[in-house]
C-alpha atoms as a PDB file:
ATOM      1  CA  MET A   1     101.390  40.715   3.655  1.00  0.00           C
ATOM      2  CA  ARG A   2     104.798  42.364   3.196  1.00  0.00           C
ATOM      3  CA  ALA A   3     103.235  45.182   1.191  1.00  0.00           C
ATOM      4  CA  ARG A   4     100.726  45.780   4.006  1.00  0.00           C
ATOM      5  CA  GLN A   5     103.478  45.810   6.628  1.00  0.00           C
ATOM      6  CA  LEU A   6     105.542  48.211   4.538  1.00  0.00           C
ATOM      7  CA  PHE A   7     102.521  50.480   4.123  1.00  0.00           C
ATOM      8  CA  THR A   8     101.988  50.495   7.906  1.00  0.00           C
ATOM      9  CA  LEU A   9     105.649  51.283   8.589  1.00  0.00           C
ATOM     10  CA  LEU A  10     105.632  54.106   6.043  1.00  0.00           C
ATOM     11  CA  SER A  11     102.449  55.501   7.592  1.00  0.00           C
ATOM     12  CA  PHE A  12     103.978  55.493  11.066  1.00  0.00           C
ATOM     13  CA  ALA A  13     107.181  57.055   9.751  1.00  0.00           C
ATOM     14  CA  THR A  14     105.160  59.805   8.058  1.00  0.00           C
ATOM     15  CA  MET A  15     103.159  60.336  11.253  1.00  0.00           C
ATOM     16  CA  VAL A  16     106.320  60.691  13.346  1.00  0.00           C
ATOM     17  CA  GLY A  17     107.873  62.931  10.706  1.00  0.00           C
ATOM     18  CA  ALA A  18     104.818  65.192  10.697  1.00  0.00           C
ATOM     19  CA  SER A  19     104.976  65.446  14.494  1.00  0.00           C
ATOM     20  CA  VAL A  20     108.681  66.345  14.354  1.00  0.00           C
ATOM     21  CA  TRP A  21     108.031  68.988  11.700  1.00  0.00           C
ATOM     22  CA  VAL A  22     105.176  70.591  13.624  1.00  0.00           C
ATOM     23  CA  VAL A  23     107.146  70.571  16.874  1.00  0.00           C
ATOM     24  CA  ARG A  24     110.233  72.090  15.214  1.00  0.00           C
ATOM     25  CA  THR A  25     108.206  74.889  13.642  1.00  0.00           C
ATOM     26  CA  HIS A  26     106.487  75.615  16.977  1.00  0.00           C
ATOM     27  CA  TRP A  27     109.412  75.015  19.339  1.00  0.00           C
ATOM     28  CA  PRO A  28     109.018  77.271  22.402  1.00  0.00           C
ATOM     29  CA  ALA A  29     111.616  79.986  22.786  1.00  0.00           C
ATOM     30  CA  ASP A  30     112.097  79.389  26.513  1.00  0.00           C
ATOM     31  CA  GLY A  31     112.921  75.654  26.491  1.00  0.00           C
ATOM     32  CA  ALA A  32     111.597  72.180  25.713  1.00  0.00           C
ATOM     33  CA  PRO A  33     107.863  71.528  25.035  1.00  0.00           C
ATOM     34  CA  THR A  34     106.897  70.227  28.476  1.00  0.00           C
ATOM     35  CA  LEU A  35     103.707  70.195  30.551  1.00  0.00           C
ATOM     36  CA  PRO A  36     103.211  70.633  34.291  1.00  0.00           C
ATOM     37  CA  TRP A  37     102.426  67.482  36.273  1.00  0.00           C
ATOM     38  CA  LEU A  38      98.905  68.714  36.964  1.00  0.00           C
ATOM     39  CA  ALA A  39      98.126  68.741  33.240  1.00  0.00           C
ATOM     40  CA  HIS A  40      99.608  65.259  32.853  1.00  0.00           C
ATOM     41  CA  GLY A  41      97.586  63.962  35.775  1.00  0.00           C
ATOM     42  CA  ALA A  42      94.356  65.420  34.428  1.00  0.00           C
ATOM     43  CA  ALA A  43      94.963  64.065  30.906  1.00  0.00           C
ATOM     44  CA  LEU A  44      95.828  60.613  32.237  1.00  0.00           C
ATOM     45  CA  GLY A  45      92.771  60.611  34.511  1.00  0.00           C
ATOM     46  CA  ILE A  46      90.489  61.613  31.630  1.00  0.00           C
ATOM     47  CA  THR A  47      91.982  58.886  29.423  1.00  0.00           C
ATOM     48  CA  LEU A  48      91.380  56.276  32.135  1.00  0.00           C
ATOM     49  CA  PHE A  49      87.822  57.585  32.577  1.00  0.00           C
ATOM     50  CA  GLU A  50      87.206  57.307  28.829  1.00  0.00           C
ATOM     51  CA  VAL A  51      88.363  53.694  28.670  1.00  0.00           C
ATOM     52  CA  LEU A  52      86.395  52.616  31.754  1.00  0.00           C
ATOM     53  CA  THR A  53      83.151  54.243  30.607  1.00  0.00           C
ATOM     54  CA  ARG A  54      83.548  52.622  27.187  1.00  0.00           C
ATOM     55  CA  ALA A  55      84.040  49.235  28.823  1.00  0.00           C
ATOM     56  CA  LEU A  56      80.956  49.877  30.963  1.00  0.00           C
ATOM     57  CA  LYS A  57      78.998  50.684  27.814  1.00  0.00           C
ATOM     58  CA  ILE A  58      79.932  47.347  26.271  1.00  0.00           C
ATOM     59  CA  GLN A  59      79.235  45.350  29.430  1.00  0.00           C
ATOM     60  CA  ALA A  60      75.897  47.040  30.192  1.00  0.00           C
ATOM     61  CA  SER A  61      74.656  46.712  26.612  1.00  0.00           C
ATOM     62  CA  ALA A  62      75.669  43.036  26.544  1.00  0.00           C
ATOM     63  CA  TRP A  63      73.852  42.368  29.836  1.00  0.00           C
ATOM     64  CA  ALA A  64      70.809  44.202  28.462  1.00  0.00           C
ATOM     65  CA  VAL A  65      70.411  41.463  25.841  1.00  0.00           C
ATOM     66  CA  ASP A  66      71.335  38.591  28.211  1.00  0.00           C
ATOM     67  CA  CYS A  67      74.958  38.231  27.084  1.00  0.00           C
ATOM     68  CA  ARG A  68      76.896  37.654  30.304  1.00  0.00           C
ATOM     69  CA  LEU A  69      80.081  39.634  29.842  1.00  0.00           C
ATOM     70  CA  THR A  70      82.509  40.467  32.647  1.00  0.00           C
ATOM     71  CA  PHE A  71      83.901  43.985  33.016  1.00  0.00           C
ATOM     72  CA  GLY A  72      87.429  42.671  32.504  1.00  0.00           C
ATOM     73  CA  THR A  73      86.461  41.115  29.184  1.00  0.00           C
ATOM     74  CA  ALA A  74      84.684  44.310  28.116  1.00  0.00           C
ATOM     75  CA  LEU A  75      87.850  46.240  28.966  1.00  0.00           C
ATOM     76  CA  ARG A  76      89.962  43.882  26.874  1.00  0.00           C
ATOM     77  CA  VAL A  77      87.470  44.242  24.020  1.00  0.00           C
ATOM     78  CA  CYS A  78      88.002  48.011  24.099  1.00  0.00           C
ATOM     79  CA  LEU A  79      91.792  47.941  24.371  1.00  0.00           C
ATOM     80  CA  ALA A  80      92.426  45.203  21.808  1.00  0.00           C
ATOM     81  CA  GLY A  81      90.127  47.022  19.388  1.00  0.00           C
ATOM     82  CA  ASP A  82      92.031  50.262  20.025  1.00  0.00           C
ATOM     83  CA  PHE A  83      95.340  48.588  19.215  1.00  0.00           C
ATOM     84  CA  ALA A  84      94.045  47.024  16.005  1.00  0.00           C
ATOM     85  CA  ALA A  85      92.417  50.300  14.980  1.00  0.00           C
ATOM     86  CA  ALA A  86      95.714  52.125  15.522  1.00  0.00           C
ATOM     87  CA  VAL A  87      97.738  49.861  13.218  1.00  0.00           C
ATOM     88  CA  THR A  88      95.275  49.192  10.384  1.00  0.00           C
ATOM     89  CA  PRO A  89      94.057  51.385   7.503  1.00  0.00           C
ATOM     90  CA  ALA A  90      90.945  53.439   8.339  1.00  0.00           C
ATOM     91  CA  ARG A  91      90.815  51.607  11.713  1.00  0.00           C
ATOM     92  CA  SER A  92      89.502  48.568   9.866  1.00  0.00           C
ATOM     93  CA  GLY A  93      91.036  46.075  12.279  1.00  0.00           C
ATOM     94  CA  ALA A  94      89.056  47.217  15.308  1.00  0.00           C
ATOM     95  CA  GLU A  95      85.988  45.021  14.853  1.00  0.00           C
ATOM     96  CA  PRO A  96      87.875  41.798  13.983  1.00  0.00           C
ATOM     97  CA  ALA A  97      90.045  42.290  17.092  1.00  0.00           C
ATOM     98  CA  ARG A  98      87.001  42.824  19.305  1.00  0.00           C
ATOM     99  CA  PHE A  99      85.366  39.792  17.718  1.00  0.00           C
ATOM    100  CA  LEU A 100      88.468  37.743  18.589  1.00  0.00           C
ATOM    101  CA  VAL A 101      88.387  38.819  22.244  1.00  0.00           C
ATOM    102  CA  LEU A 102      84.699  37.964  22.518  1.00  0.00           C
ATOM    103  CA  SER A 103      85.418  34.609  20.898  1.00  0.00           C
ATOM    104  CA  GLU A 104      88.149  33.898  23.456  1.00  0.00           C
ATOM    105  CA  ALA A 105      85.666  34.810  26.191  1.00  0.00           C
ATOM    106  CA  GLY A 106      83.366  32.032  24.994  1.00  0.00           C
ATOM    107  CA  LEU A 107      80.492  33.994  23.444  1.00  0.00           C
ATOM    108  CA  SER A 108      78.639  32.401  20.575  1.00  0.00           C
ATOM    109  CA  THR A 109      78.972  33.876  17.111  1.00  0.00           C
ATOM    110  CA  ALA A 110      75.471  35.358  17.279  1.00  0.00           C
ATOM    111  CA  ASN A 111      76.192  37.023  20.637  1.00  0.00           C
ATOM    112  CA  ARG A 112      79.521  38.377  19.435  1.00  0.00           C
ATOM    113  CA  LEU A 113      77.849  40.018  16.452  1.00  0.00           C
ATOM    114  CA  LEU A 114      75.100  41.354  18.695  1.00  0.00           C
ATOM    115  CA  VAL A 115      77.548  42.942  21.155  1.00  0.00           C
ATOM    116  CA  LEU A 116      79.512  44.583  18.335  1.00  0.00           C
ATOM    117  CA  PHE A 117      76.289  45.842  16.745  1.00  0.00           C
ATOM    118  CA  LEU A 118      75.172  47.385  20.032  1.00  0.00           C
ATOM    119  CA  GLU A 119      78.575  49.048  20.491  1.00  0.00           C
ATOM    120  CA  LEU A 120      78.294  50.793  17.138  1.00  0.00           C
ATOM    121  CA  PHE A 121      74.589  51.530  17.568  1.00  0.00           C
ATOM    122  CA  LEU A 122      75.121  53.261  20.913  1.00  0.00           C
ATOM    123  CA  GLU A 123      78.213  55.086  19.639  1.00  0.00           C
ATOM    124  CA  MET A 124      76.316  56.703  16.789  1.00  0.00           C
ATOM    125  CA  TRP A 125      73.270  57.730  18.830  1.00  0.00           C
ATOM    126  CA  SER A 126      75.400  59.094  21.663  1.00  0.00           C
ATOM    127  CA  LEU A 127      77.540  60.964  19.124  1.00  0.00           C
ATOM    128  CA  ALA A 128      74.369  62.485  17.692  1.00  0.00           C
ATOM    129  CA  LEU A 129      73.341  63.636  21.188  1.00  0.00           C
ATOM    130  CA  VAL A 130      76.796  65.079  21.884  1.00  0.00           C
ATOM    131  CA  CYS A 131      76.689  67.003  18.604  1.00  0.00           C
ATOM    132  CA  LEU A 132      73.297  68.469  19.468  1.00  0.00           C
ATOM    133  CA  GLY A 133      74.550  69.441  22.931  1.00  0.00           C
ATOM    134  CA  LEU A 134      77.687  71.086  21.546  1.00  0.00           C
ATOM    135  CA  ALA A 135      75.694  72.906  18.869  1.00  0.00           C
ATOM    136  CA  TRP A 136      73.533  74.401  21.602  1.00  0.00           C
ATOM    137  CA  ALA A 137      76.420  75.156  23.982  1.00  0.00           C
ATOM    138  CA  PHE A 138      78.682  76.799  21.394  1.00  0.00           C
ATOM    139  CA  ARG A 139      76.094  78.487  19.203  1.00  0.00           C
ATOM    140  CA  GLY A 140      77.505  81.780  17.952  1.00  0.00           C
ATOM    141  CA  HIS A 141      81.015  81.082  19.265  1.00  0.00           C
ATOM    142  CA  GLY A 142      83.461  80.768  16.395  1.00  0.00           C
ATOM    143  CA  ALA A 143      82.832  80.774  12.670  1.00  0.00           C
ATOM    144  CA  SER A 144      83.698  77.102  12.268  1.00  0.00           C
ATOM    145  CA  THR A 145      81.439  75.780  15.032  1.00  0.00           C
ATOM    146  CA  SER A 146      78.461  74.774  12.922  1.00  0.00           C
ATOM    147  CA  GLY A 147      80.676  73.305  10.199  1.00  0.00           C
ATOM    148  CA  LEU A 148      82.615  71.099  12.622  1.00  0.00           C
ATOM    149  CA  ILE A 149      79.476  69.876  14.350  1.00  0.00           C
ATOM    150  CA  GLY A 150      77.913  69.245  10.947  1.00  0.00           C
ATOM    151  CA  LEU A 151      80.941  67.176   9.937  1.00  0.00           C
ATOM    152  CA  VAL A 152      80.777  64.906  12.966  1.00  0.00           C
ATOM    153  CA  GLY A 153      76.982  64.807  12.959  1.00  0.00           C
ATOM    154  CA  GLY A 154      77.046  63.938   9.276  1.00  0.00           C
ATOM    155  CA  TYR A 155      79.349  61.003  10.006  1.00  0.00           C
ATOM    156  CA  SER A 156      76.958  59.766  12.674  1.00  0.00           C
ATOM    157  CA  GLY A 157      73.979  60.242  10.385  1.00  0.00           C
ATOM    158  CA  ALA A 158      75.709  58.424   7.521  1.00  0.00           C
ATOM    159  CA  VAL A 159      76.377  55.363   9.681  1.00  0.00           C
ATOM    160  CA  LEU A 160      72.814  55.336  11.012  1.00  0.00           C
ATOM    161  CA  GLY A 161      71.512  55.819   7.467  1.00  0.00           C
ATOM    162  CA  ALA A 162      73.587  52.869   6.284  1.00  0.00           C
ATOM    163  CA  GLY A 163      72.012  50.815   9.052  1.00  0.00           C
ATOM    164  CA  ALA A 164      68.533  51.872   7.966  1.00  0.00           C
ATOM    165  CA  LEU A 165      69.394  50.894   4.385  1.00  0.00           C
ATOM    166  CA  GLY A 166      70.597  47.522   5.653  1.00  0.00           C
ATOM    167  CA  LEU A 167      67.285  46.944   7.425  1.00  0.00           C
ATOM    168  CA  ALA A 168      65.401  47.808   4.239  1.00  0.00           C
ATOM    169  CA  LEU A 169      67.519  45.331   2.306  1.00  0.00           C
ATOM    170  CA  ALA A 170      66.912  42.708   4.995  1.00  0.00           C
ATOM    171  CA  ARG A 171      63.169  43.208   4.641  1.00  0.00           C
ATOM    172  CA  TRP A 172      62.988  42.878   0.861  1.00  0.00           C
ATOM    173  CA  TYR A 173      66.130  41.093  -0.301  1.00  0.00           C
ATOM    174  CA  ALA A 174      67.226  38.771   2.535  1.00  0.00           C
ATOM    175  CA  HIS A 175      66.841  35.751   0.259  1.00  0.00           C
ATOM    176  CA  GLY A 176      66.871  34.986  -3.442  1.00  0.00           C
ATOM    177  CA  PRO A 177      69.046  35.978  -6.408  1.00  0.00           C
ATOM    178  CA  PRO A 178      70.479  39.494  -6.808  1.00  0.00           C
ATOM    179  CA  PRO A 179      67.986  41.964  -8.298  1.00  0.00           C
ATOM    180  CA  ALA A 180      68.723  43.831 -11.511  1.00  0.00           C
ATOM    181  CA  TRP A 181      69.998  46.978  -9.758  1.00  0.00           C
ATOM    182  CA  ALA A 182      72.460  44.901  -7.700  1.00  0.00           C
ATOM    183  CA  ARG A 183      73.850  43.237 -10.825  1.00  0.00           C
ATOM    184  CA  ARG A 184      74.270  46.643 -12.459  1.00  0.00           C
ATOM    185  CA  VAL A 185      76.536  47.820  -9.612  1.00  0.00           C
ATOM    186  CA  GLY A 186      78.657  44.668  -9.731  1.00  0.00           C
ATOM    187  CA  LEU A 187      77.013  42.556  -7.033  1.00  0.00           C
ATOM    188  CA  HIS A 188      77.046  39.154  -8.668  1.00  0.00           C
ATOM    189  CA  ALA A 189      75.627  36.058  -6.958  1.00  0.00           C
ATOM    190  CA  GLY A 190      78.644  35.436  -4.685  1.00  0.00           C
ATOM    191  CA  ARG A 191      78.915  39.029  -3.457  1.00  0.00           C
ATOM    192  CA  TRP A 192      75.159  39.284  -3.122  1.00  0.00           C
ATOM    193  CA  ARG A 193      75.127  36.284  -0.775  1.00  0.00           C
ATOM    194  CA  VAL A 194      77.671  38.067   1.427  1.00  0.00           C
ATOM    195  CA  VAL A 195      75.422  41.157   1.512  1.00  0.00           C
ATOM    196  CA  GLN A 196      72.393  39.005   2.329  1.00  0.00           C
ATOM    197  CA  ARG A 197      74.217  37.280   5.182  1.00  0.00           C
ATOM    198  CA  GLN A 198      75.218  40.633   6.676  1.00  0.00           C
ATOM    199  CA  VAL A 199      71.762  42.172   6.438  1.00  0.00           C
ATOM    200  CA  ARG A 200      70.205  39.053   7.994  1.00  0.00           C
ATOM    201  CA  GLN A 201      72.633  39.418  10.894  1.00  0.00           C
ATOM    202  CA  LEU A 202      71.628  43.075  11.189  1.00  0.00           C
ATOM    203  CA  ARG A 203      67.945  42.124  11.259  1.00  0.00           C
ATOM    204  CA  THR A 204      68.602  39.545  13.983  1.00  0.00           C
ATOM    205  CA  SER A 205      70.478  42.128  16.061  1.00  0.00           C
ATOM    206  CA  VAL A 206      67.659  44.661  15.765  1.00  0.00           C
ATOM    207  CA  ARG A 207      65.118  42.039  16.828  1.00  0.00           C
ATOM    208  CA  ALA A 208      67.238  41.226  19.890  1.00  0.00           C
ATOM    209  CA  LEU A 209      67.432  44.950  20.690  1.00  0.00           C
ATOM    210  CA  ARG A 210      63.641  45.162  20.893  1.00  0.00           C
ATOM    211  CA  GLY A 211      63.647  42.813  23.870  1.00  0.00           C
ATOM    212  CA  ALA A 212      66.592  44.476  25.634  1.00  0.00           C
ATOM    213  CA  ASN A 213      66.444  45.530  29.278  1.00  0.00           C
ATOM    214  CA  VAL A 214      65.635  49.254  29.177  1.00  0.00           C
ATOM    215  CA  GLY A 215      67.440  50.172  32.407  1.00  0.00           C
ATOM    216  CA  ARG A 216      70.693  48.546  31.337  1.00  0.00           C
ATOM    217  CA  MET A 217      70.469  50.097  27.873  1.00  0.00           C
ATOM    218  CA  ILE A 218      70.086  53.530  29.471  1.00  0.00           C
ATOM    219  CA  ILE A 219      73.198  52.887  31.565  1.00  0.00           C
ATOM    220  CA  ALA A 220      75.066  51.805  28.436  1.00  0.00           C
ATOM    221  CA  TYR A 221      73.885  54.876  26.543  1.00  0.00           C
ATOM    222  CA  LEU A 222      74.930  57.278  29.302  1.00  0.00           C
ATOM    223  CA  ALA A 223      78.329  55.562  29.508  1.00  0.00           C
ATOM    224  CA  SER A 224      78.695  56.010  25.753  1.00  0.00           C
ATOM    225  CA  VAL A 225      77.962  59.742  26.022  1.00  0.00           C
ATOM    226  CA  LEU A 226      80.486  60.063  28.861  1.00  0.00           C
ATOM    227  CA  HIS A 227      83.203  58.265  26.922  1.00  0.00           C
ATOM    228  CA  ILE A 228      82.811  60.696  23.993  1.00  0.00           C
ATOM    229  CA  ALA A 229      82.946  63.590  26.454  1.00  0.00           C
ATOM    230  CA  GLY A 230      86.194  62.111  27.763  1.00  0.00           C
ATOM    231  CA  LYS A 231      87.625  62.030  24.244  1.00  0.00           C
ATOM    232  CA  VAL A 232      87.108  65.758  23.754  1.00  0.00           C
ATOM    233  CA  ALA A 233      88.127  66.813  27.282  1.00  0.00           C
ATOM    234  CA  VAL A 234      91.819  65.895  26.971  1.00  0.00           C
ATOM    235  CA  LEU A 235      93.009  68.887  24.933  1.00  0.00           C
ATOM    236  CA  PRO A 236      91.143  71.541  26.996  1.00  0.00           C
ATOM    237  CA  ALA A 237      92.568  69.997  30.178  1.00  0.00           C
ATOM    238  CA  ILE A 238      96.098  70.149  28.762  1.00  0.00           C
ATOM    239  CA  VAL A 239      95.827  73.740  27.549  1.00  0.00           C
ATOM    240  CA  PHE A 240      94.013  75.354  30.460  1.00  0.00           C
ATOM    241  CA  LEU A 241      95.987  73.566  33.180  1.00  0.00           C
ATOM    242  CA  ALA A 242      99.330  74.191  31.474  1.00  0.00           C
ATOM    243  CA  ASP A 243      98.688  77.916  30.991  1.00  0.00           C
ATOM    244  CA  ARG A 244      96.654  79.335  33.857  1.00  0.00           C
ATOM    245  CA  ALA A 245      96.767  82.794  32.239  1.00  0.00           C
ATOM    246  CA  PHE A 246      94.944  81.544  29.131  1.00  0.00           C
ATOM    247  CA  PRO A 247      91.360  82.884  29.339  1.00  0.00           C
ATOM    248  CA  LEU A 248      88.651  80.247  29.760  1.00  0.00           C
ATOM    249  CA  THR A 249      85.720  81.477  27.653  1.00  0.00           C
ATOM    250  CA  MET A 250      83.299  79.823  25.274  1.00  0.00           C
ATOM    251  CA  ASP A 251      85.224  81.299  22.333  1.00  0.00           C
ATOM    252  CA  THR A 252      88.557  79.858  23.481  1.00  0.00           C
ATOM    253  CA  LEU A 253      86.996  76.537  24.534  1.00  0.00           C
ATOM    254  CA  ALA A 254      85.041  75.890  21.321  1.00  0.00           C
ATOM    255  CA  PRO A 255      87.974  75.021  18.991  1.00  0.00           C
ATOM    256  CA  LEU A 256      89.694  72.949  21.699  1.00  0.00           C
ATOM    257  CA  VAL A 257      86.585  70.787  22.026  1.00  0.00           C
ATOM    258  CA  LEU A 258      85.258  70.693  18.473  1.00  0.00           C
ATOM    259  CA  TRP A 259      88.427  70.175  16.467  1.00  0.00           C
ATOM    260  CA  PRO A 260      89.576  67.084  18.421  1.00  0.00           C
ATOM    261  CA  LEU A 261      86.084  65.633  17.970  1.00  0.00           C
ATOM    262  CA  ALA A 262      86.254  66.289  14.224  1.00  0.00           C
ATOM    263  CA  LEU A 263      89.794  64.901  13.945  1.00  0.00           C
ATOM    264  CA  PHE A 264      88.968  61.768  15.898  1.00  0.00           C
ATOM    265  CA  TYR A 265      85.881  60.804  13.883  1.00  0.00           C
ATOM    266  CA  GLY A 266      86.951  62.416  10.626  1.00  0.00           C
ATOM    267  CA  GLY A 267      90.232  60.508  10.814  1.00  0.00           C
ATOM    268  CA  VAL A 268      88.294  57.318  10.070  1.00  0.00           C
ATOM    269  CA  VAL A 269      88.274  58.239   6.373  1.00  0.00           C
ATOM    270  CA  VAL A 270      92.091  58.485   6.256  1.00  0.00           C
ATOM    271  CA  PRO A 271      93.277  55.150   4.794  1.00  0.00           C
ATOM    272  CA  ALA A 272      96.746  55.235   6.360  1.00  0.00           C
ATOM    273  CA  PRO A 273      97.218  53.570   9.769  1.00  0.00           C
ATOM    274  CA  GLY A 274      97.445  56.206  12.491  1.00  0.00           C
ATOM    275  CA  GLY A 275      96.443  58.894  10.003  1.00  0.00           C
ATOM    276  CA  GLY A 276      99.812  58.978   8.215  1.00  0.00           C
ATOM    277  CA  GLY A 277     100.560  62.479   9.500  1.00  0.00           C
ATOM    278  CA  VAL A 278      97.192  63.902   8.431  1.00  0.00           C
ATOM    279  CA  ILE A 279      96.010  64.285  12.039  1.00  0.00           C
ATOM    280  CA  GLU A 280      99.148  66.186  13.035  1.00  0.00           C
ATOM    281  CA  GLY A 281      98.973  68.431  10.000  1.00  0.00           C
ATOM    282  CA  ALA A 282      95.274  69.155  10.463  1.00  0.00           C
ATOM    283  CA  PHE A 283      95.886  69.873  14.156  1.00  0.00           C
ATOM    284  CA  ALA A 284      98.550  72.446  13.262  1.00  0.00           C
ATOM    285  CA  LEU A 285      96.416  74.121  10.612  1.00  0.00           C
ATOM    286  CA  ALA A 286      93.221  74.201  12.650  1.00  0.00           C
ATOM    287  CA  LEU A 287      94.537  75.046  16.108  1.00  0.00           C
ATOM    288  CA  GLY A 288      97.636  77.115  15.372  1.00  0.00           C
ATOM    289  CA  ASP A 289      95.831  80.292  16.444  1.00  0.00           C
ATOM    290  CA  ALA A 290      93.718  78.696  19.202  1.00  0.00           C
ATOM    291  CA  ILE A 291      96.576  77.522  21.456  1.00  0.00           C
ATOM    292  CA  PRO A 292      99.257  79.832  22.917  1.00  0.00           C
ATOM    293  CA  ALA A 293     102.416  79.687  20.780  1.00  0.00           C
ATOM    294  CA  GLY A 294     104.690  78.670  23.653  1.00  0.00           C
ATOM    295  CA  LEU A 295     102.395  75.758  24.517  1.00  0.00           C
ATOM    296  CA  PHE A 296     101.488  74.538  21.042  1.00  0.00           C
ATOM    297  CA  ALA A 297     104.260  71.947  20.554  1.00  0.00           C
ATOM    298  CA  ALA A 298     103.668  70.380  23.975  1.00  0.00           C
ATOM    299  CA  ALA A 299      99.899  70.413  23.436  1.00  0.00           C
ATOM    300  CA  LEU A 300     100.211  68.503  20.154  1.00  0.00           C
ATOM    301  CA  LEU A 301     102.711  65.961  21.471  1.00  0.00           C
ATOM    302  CA  TRP A 302     100.851  65.141  24.654  1.00  0.00           C
ATOM    303  CA  TRP A 303      97.347  65.314  23.173  1.00  0.00           C
ATOM    304  CA  ARG A 304      98.472  62.784  20.567  1.00  0.00           C
ATOM    305  CA  PHE A 305     100.056  60.651  23.283  1.00  0.00           C
ATOM    306  CA  TYR A 306      96.956  60.542  25.495  1.00  0.00           C
ATOM    307  CA  THR A 307      94.517  60.025  22.613  1.00  0.00           C
ATOM    308  CA  TYR A 308      96.526  57.652  20.412  1.00  0.00           C
ATOM    309  CA  TYR A 309      99.888  56.351  21.616  1.00  0.00           C
ATOM    310  CA  VAL A 310      98.729  55.287  25.058  1.00  0.00           C
ATOM    311  CA  TYR A 311      95.941  53.241  23.446  1.00  0.00           C
ATOM    312  CA  LEU A 312      98.493  51.729  21.063  1.00  0.00           C
ATOM    313  CA  LEU A 313     100.762  50.688  23.946  1.00  0.00           C
ATOM    314  CA  VAL A 314      98.158  49.431  26.420  1.00  0.00           C
ATOM    315  CA  GLY A 315      96.024  47.966  23.656  1.00  0.00           C
ATOM    316  CA  GLY A 316      99.010  46.016  22.395  1.00  0.00           C
ATOM    317  CA  VAL A 317      99.329  44.405  25.813  1.00  0.00           C
ATOM    318  CA  ALA A 318      95.616  43.502  25.808  1.00  0.00           C
ATOM    319  CA  ALA A 319      95.782  42.106  22.263  1.00  0.00           C
ATOM    320  CA  GLY A 320      98.895  40.096  23.117  1.00  0.00           C
ATOM    321  CA  ASP A 321      97.205  38.713  26.230  1.00  0.00           C
ATOM    322  CA  THR A 322      94.249  37.561  24.144  1.00  0.00           C
ATOM    323  CA  VAL A 323      96.527  35.806  21.665  1.00  0.00           C
ATOM    324  CA  ARG A 324      98.416  34.182  24.563  1.00  0.00           C
ATOM    325  CA  ARG A 325      95.149  32.912  26.045  1.00  0.00           C
ATOM    326  CA  LEU A 326      94.066  31.451  22.704  1.00  0.00           C
ATOM    327  CA  LEU A 327      97.409  29.731  22.179  1.00  0.00           C
ATOM    328  CA  ALA A 328      97.387  28.361  25.732  1.00  0.00           C
ATOM    329  CA  ARG A 329      93.873  27.014  25.242  1.00  0.00           C
ATOM    330  CA  ARG A 330      94.838  25.397  21.944  1.00  0.00           C
ATOM    331  CA  THR A 331      97.953  23.845  23.523  1.00  0.00           C
ATOM    332  CA  SER A 332      96.040  22.477  26.501  1.00  0.00           C
ATOM    333  CA  SER A 333      93.251  21.024  24.364  1.00  0.00           C
ATOM    334  CA  PRO A 334      93.539  17.252  24.032  1.00  0.00           C
ATOM    335  CA  ALA A 335      94.657  16.020  20.649  1.00  0.00           C
ATOM    336  CA  PRO A 336      91.973  14.232  18.607  1.00  0.00           C
ATOM    337  CA  VAL A 337      92.023  10.444  18.873  1.00  0.00           C
ATOM    338  CA  HIS A 338      92.133   8.665  15.513  1.00  0.00           C
ATOM    339  CA  ALA A 339      90.742   5.192  15.168  1.00  0.00           C
END
């Protein structure tokens, strides 16, 4: 546990150090890296929009499969997951934190797994649609456009492909001893039972999806698309509202939309919590020529704040509230009577 905590602290220190280095090397000549209030207001509004549409996605998808989930609980699911994702390697803590919130809300284990499956399922299909839309909108604008869209689309396709593989395993290997190929890759009987349990859960979730309410699933899907749009709208809002003289064209807009999308989803593969400075470094390398020099330091600082730090802060409150509720429930529960 201490080693994990030390790793997290070192990752955050590296992240802050990378931000300081980038800001120092891009410090504006005419003063501190600040933004006008209009840019702050727009970025904050977009961030709020992103969180609310994501909560709507979770609530609508849960209602589509007859899981009665309140909007407040769906919001806490989002925020607690954001906090856990921000402080764990490769955002690995997000799903356990969301599972904990759903548990505190009283959902059965099967329904919790179903809601989390639908969240990921909708995320990947909406991401695929967003990539197709951006590929069409920015075709021919910027040499890196197709590569960035391919990166994010490839991530979406890989997750969906893993799901398809899981369904195939559930069809042929849901029960019984590990086959020869599984033993060759190190899946002995104990590990194979874990795989079988997961693929059976996946099969159950897919079966529940077949009977879902179509109208509510469409609402959830549209909300998912809108929340991804919110993710990529923060940086353009900061840049174009902070520098009214900066030309708004498809060529100038493309990197401001596509690179944040690639950094957000590509950052999943970075093992260090918060990216360990990789996000800041990649931002500087990729967007150094796409953002006006006098605005670059402020753009990095405030883009990172509205897409990471604000989720860390507010999500911490939501996660703490969930833990408080669980402790209060455990304290108020009557002690078992022994004969």
